[in-house]
Amino acid sequence: MTDFSKPPLTPEQQLALLEARGLTVNDPERAQRLLEVNTLFRLSPYMRPFQDSNRCRLDNVRSAPAVGRG
């Protein structure tokens, strides 16, 4: 079995990471509830269209999508 060196992130940490990477969150409570049910790992494929095409990770969001109602 493989040992993972990175600890799992809590929903709060996942939300902070997304915001640090450029995601605009209009409703943090709703976004956190979403991350409690659907983790960042599960949502990341849906964010691919918003990624900067020169990078392969979610470190740089191209058009700053928003989560929650604004």
N, C-alpha and C. Protein backbone atom coordinates (compact mmCIF):
# COMPACT_ATOMS: atom_id res chain seq x y z
N MET A 1 0.84 -1.18 0.00
CA MET A 1 0.00 0.00 0.00
C MET A 1 0.88 1.25 0.00
N THR A 2 0.45 2.27 -0.72
CA THR A 2 1.20 3.51 -0.83
C THR A 2 0.92 4.42 0.34
N ASP A 3 1.99 4.98 0.90
CA ASP A 3 1.84 5.99 1.94
C ASP A 3 1.76 7.35 1.28
N PHE A 4 0.76 8.13 1.64
CA PHE A 4 0.60 9.46 1.08
C PHE A 4 1.25 10.47 2.01
N SER A 5 2.01 11.38 1.42
CA SER A 5 2.73 12.36 2.23
C SER A 5 1.89 13.60 2.54
N LYS A 6 0.84 13.84 1.75
CA LYS A 6 0.00 15.00 1.97
C LYS A 6 -1.21 14.62 2.82
N PRO A 7 -1.45 15.37 3.90
CA PRO A 7 -2.63 15.08 4.72
C PRO A 7 -3.89 15.53 3.99
N PRO A 8 -5.03 14.92 4.28
CA PRO A 8 -6.28 15.37 3.65
C PRO A 8 -6.65 16.76 4.14
N LEU A 9 -7.30 17.52 3.28
CA LEU A 9 -7.74 18.87 3.63
C LEU A 9 -9.18 18.83 4.11
N THR A 10 -9.49 19.62 5.13
CA THR A 10 -10.86 19.76 5.59
C THR A 10 -11.62 20.59 4.56
N PRO A 11 -12.95 20.58 4.58
CA PRO A 11 -13.70 21.44 3.66
C PRO A 11 -13.31 22.92 3.78
N GLU A 12 -13.03 23.37 5.00
CA GLU A 12 -12.62 24.76 5.19
C GLU A 12 -11.29 25.03 4.48
N GLN A 13 -10.34 24.09 4.60
CA GLN A 13 -9.05 24.24 3.95
C GLN A 13 -9.17 24.15 2.44
N GLN A 14 -10.06 23.28 1.95
CA GLN A 14 -10.29 23.17 0.51
C GLN A 14 -10.82 24.48 -0.05
N LEU A 15 -11.77 25.09 0.67
CA LEU A 15 -12.35 26.35 0.23
C LEU A 15 -11.30 27.46 0.22
N ALA A 16 -10.48 27.51 1.27
CA ALA A 16 -9.41 28.51 1.33
C ALA A 16 -8.42 28.31 0.18
N LEU A 17 -8.12 27.08 -0.16
CA LEU A 17 -7.21 26.78 -1.26
C LEU A 17 -7.79 27.25 -2.59
N LEU A 18 -9.07 26.98 -2.81
CA LEU A 18 -9.71 27.43 -4.05
C LEU A 18 -9.72 28.95 -4.16
N GLU A 19 -10.01 29.62 -3.05
CA GLU A 19 -10.00 31.09 -3.06
C GLU A 19 -8.60 31.63 -3.31
N ALA A 20 -7.59 30.98 -2.73
CA ALA A 20 -6.21 31.40 -2.94
C ALA A 20 -5.79 31.22 -4.40
N ARG A 21 -6.43 30.28 -5.09
CA ARG A 21 -6.11 30.01 -6.49
C ARG A 21 -6.95 30.85 -7.45
N GLY A 22 -7.77 31.75 -6.92
CA GLY A 22 -8.47 32.69 -7.77
C GLY A 22 -9.97 32.49 -7.91
N LEU A 23 -10.56 31.52 -7.21
CA LEU A 23 -11.99 31.30 -7.31
C LEU A 23 -12.73 32.34 -6.49
N THR A 24 -13.75 32.97 -7.07
CA THR A 24 -14.59 33.91 -6.35
C THR A 24 -15.73 33.14 -5.71
N VAL A 25 -15.89 33.28 -4.40
CA VAL A 25 -16.93 32.57 -3.67
C VAL A 25 -17.91 33.60 -3.11
N ASN A 26 -19.12 33.61 -3.65
CA ASN A 26 -20.13 34.57 -3.21
C ASN A 26 -20.84 34.13 -1.94
N ASP A 27 -20.93 32.83 -1.71
CA ASP A 27 -21.63 32.30 -0.55
C ASP A 27 -20.74 31.23 0.09
N PRO A 28 -19.83 31.62 1.00
CA PRO A 28 -18.89 30.67 1.58
C PRO A 28 -19.54 29.51 2.33
N GLU A 29 -20.66 29.78 3.00
CA GLU A 29 -21.33 28.69 3.73
C GLU A 29 -21.87 27.64 2.77
N ARG A 30 -22.45 28.07 1.67
CA ARG A 30 -22.97 27.14 0.67
C ARG A 30 -21.83 26.37 0.01
N ALA A 31 -20.75 27.08 -0.30
CA ALA A 31 -19.59 26.43 -0.91
C ALA A 31 -18.99 25.39 0.03
N GLN A 32 -18.94 25.70 1.31
CA GLN A 32 -18.40 24.75 2.27
C GLN A 32 -19.30 23.52 2.39
N ARG A 33 -20.61 23.71 2.38
CA ARG A 33 -21.53 22.56 2.41
C ARG A 33 -21.33 21.70 1.17
N LEU A 34 -21.13 22.34 0.02
CA LEU A 34 -20.88 21.61 -1.22
C LEU A 34 -19.60 20.77 -1.09
N LEU A 35 -18.55 21.35 -0.51
CA LEU A 35 -17.29 20.63 -0.36
C LEU A 35 -17.37 19.53 0.69
N GLU A 36 -18.30 19.62 1.62
CA GLU A 36 -18.49 18.55 2.60
C GLU A 36 -19.05 17.30 1.93
N VAL A 37 -19.84 17.48 0.88
CA VAL A 37 -20.46 16.37 0.17
C VAL A 37 -19.63 15.94 -1.03
N ASN A 38 -19.14 16.91 -1.78
CA ASN A 38 -18.34 16.67 -2.99
C ASN A 38 -16.98 17.30 -2.77
N THR A 39 -15.96 16.50 -2.60
CA THR A 39 -14.63 17.02 -2.29
C THR A 39 -14.03 17.75 -3.49
N LEU A 40 -12.97 18.49 -3.21
CA LEU A 40 -12.22 19.20 -4.24
C LEU A 40 -11.72 18.22 -5.30
N PHE A 41 -11.30 17.05 -4.88
CA PHE A 41 -10.82 16.03 -5.82
C PHE A 41 -11.91 15.66 -6.83
N ARG A 42 -13.12 15.53 -6.33
CA ARG A 42 -14.23 15.16 -7.21
C ARG A 42 -14.66 16.31 -8.12
N LEU A 43 -14.52 17.54 -7.67
CA LEU A 43 -14.93 18.70 -8.46
C LEU A 43 -13.88 19.17 -9.46
N SER A 44 -12.63 18.81 -9.25
CA SER A 44 -11.55 19.36 -10.07
C SER A 44 -11.71 19.12 -11.58
N PRO A 45 -12.25 17.98 -12.05
CA PRO A 45 -12.42 17.84 -13.50
C PRO A 45 -13.39 18.88 -14.10
N TYR A 46 -14.36 19.34 -13.31
CA TYR A 46 -15.31 20.33 -13.81
C TYR A 46 -14.68 21.72 -13.91
N MET A 47 -13.56 21.93 -13.25
CA MET A 47 -12.88 23.22 -13.27
C MET A 47 -11.87 23.33 -14.41
N ARG A 48 -11.62 22.24 -15.11
CA ARG A 48 -10.63 22.25 -16.18
C ARG A 48 -10.88 23.32 -17.25
N PRO A 49 -12.12 23.56 -17.67
CA PRO A 49 -12.33 24.60 -18.69
C PRO A 49 -11.92 26.00 -18.22
N PHE A 50 -11.83 26.20 -16.91
CA PHE A 50 -11.49 27.51 -16.37
C PHE A 50 -10.01 27.66 -16.06
N GLN A 51 -9.24 26.60 -16.28
CA GLN A 51 -7.81 26.65 -16.00
C GLN A 51 -7.06 27.40 -17.08
N ASP A 52 -5.94 27.97 -16.68
CA ASP A 52 -5.02 28.57 -17.64
C ASP A 52 -4.45 27.43 -18.46
N SER A 53 -4.53 27.50 -19.78
CA SER A 53 -4.11 26.40 -20.64
C SER A 53 -2.61 26.13 -20.57
N ASN A 54 -1.82 27.05 -20.04
CA ASN A 54 -0.38 26.85 -19.93
C ASN A 54 0.02 26.10 -18.68
N ARG A 55 -0.94 25.82 -17.83
CA ARG A 55 -0.65 25.12 -16.57
C ARG A 55 -1.51 23.88 -16.48
N CYS A 56 -1.00 22.84 -15.86
CA CYS A 56 -1.76 21.60 -15.78
C CYS A 56 -2.48 21.42 -14.46
N ARG A 57 -2.30 22.33 -13.51
CA ARG A 57 -2.97 22.23 -12.22
C ARG A 57 -3.95 23.38 -12.04
N LEU A 58 -4.66 23.35 -10.94
CA LEU A 58 -5.63 24.41 -10.65
C LEU A 58 -4.99 25.61 -9.97
N ASP A 59 -3.69 25.78 -10.10
CA ASP A 59 -3.00 26.88 -9.44
C ASP A 59 -3.39 28.23 -10.01
N ASN A 60 -3.83 28.25 -11.23
CA ASN A 60 -4.13 29.52 -11.87
C ASN A 60 -5.45 29.43 -12.60
N VAL A 61 -6.49 30.01 -12.04
CA VAL A 61 -7.80 30.00 -12.66
C VAL A 61 -7.85 31.12 -13.69
N ARG A 62 -8.27 30.78 -14.90
CA ARG A 62 -8.24 31.72 -16.03
C ARG A 62 -9.27 32.83 -15.89
N SER A 63 -10.53 32.48 -15.73
CA SER A 63 -11.56 33.53 -15.77
C SER A 63 -12.31 33.69 -14.46
N ALA A 64 -11.72 33.25 -13.37
CA ALA A 64 -12.25 33.42 -12.02
C ALA A 64 -13.75 33.12 -11.93
N PRO A 65 -14.15 31.84 -12.08
CA PRO A 65 -15.55 31.49 -11.92
C PRO A 65 -16.02 31.74 -10.49
N ALA A 66 -17.31 31.86 -10.31
CA ALA A 66 -17.86 32.12 -9.00
C ALA A 66 -18.69 30.94 -8.54
N VAL A 67 -18.67 30.70 -7.23
CA VAL A 67 -19.48 29.66 -6.62
C VAL A 67 -20.48 30.33 -5.70
N GLY A 68 -21.71 29.91 -5.75
CA GLY A 68 -22.73 30.48 -4.88
C GLY A 68 -23.55 31.53 -5.62
N ARG A 69 -24.55 31.97 -4.97
CA ARG A 69 -25.42 32.96 -5.60
C ARG A 69 -24.88 34.34 -5.36
N GLY A 70 -24.92 35.18 -6.35
CA GLY A 70 -24.36 36.53 -6.22
C GLY A 70 -25.38 37.51 -6.35
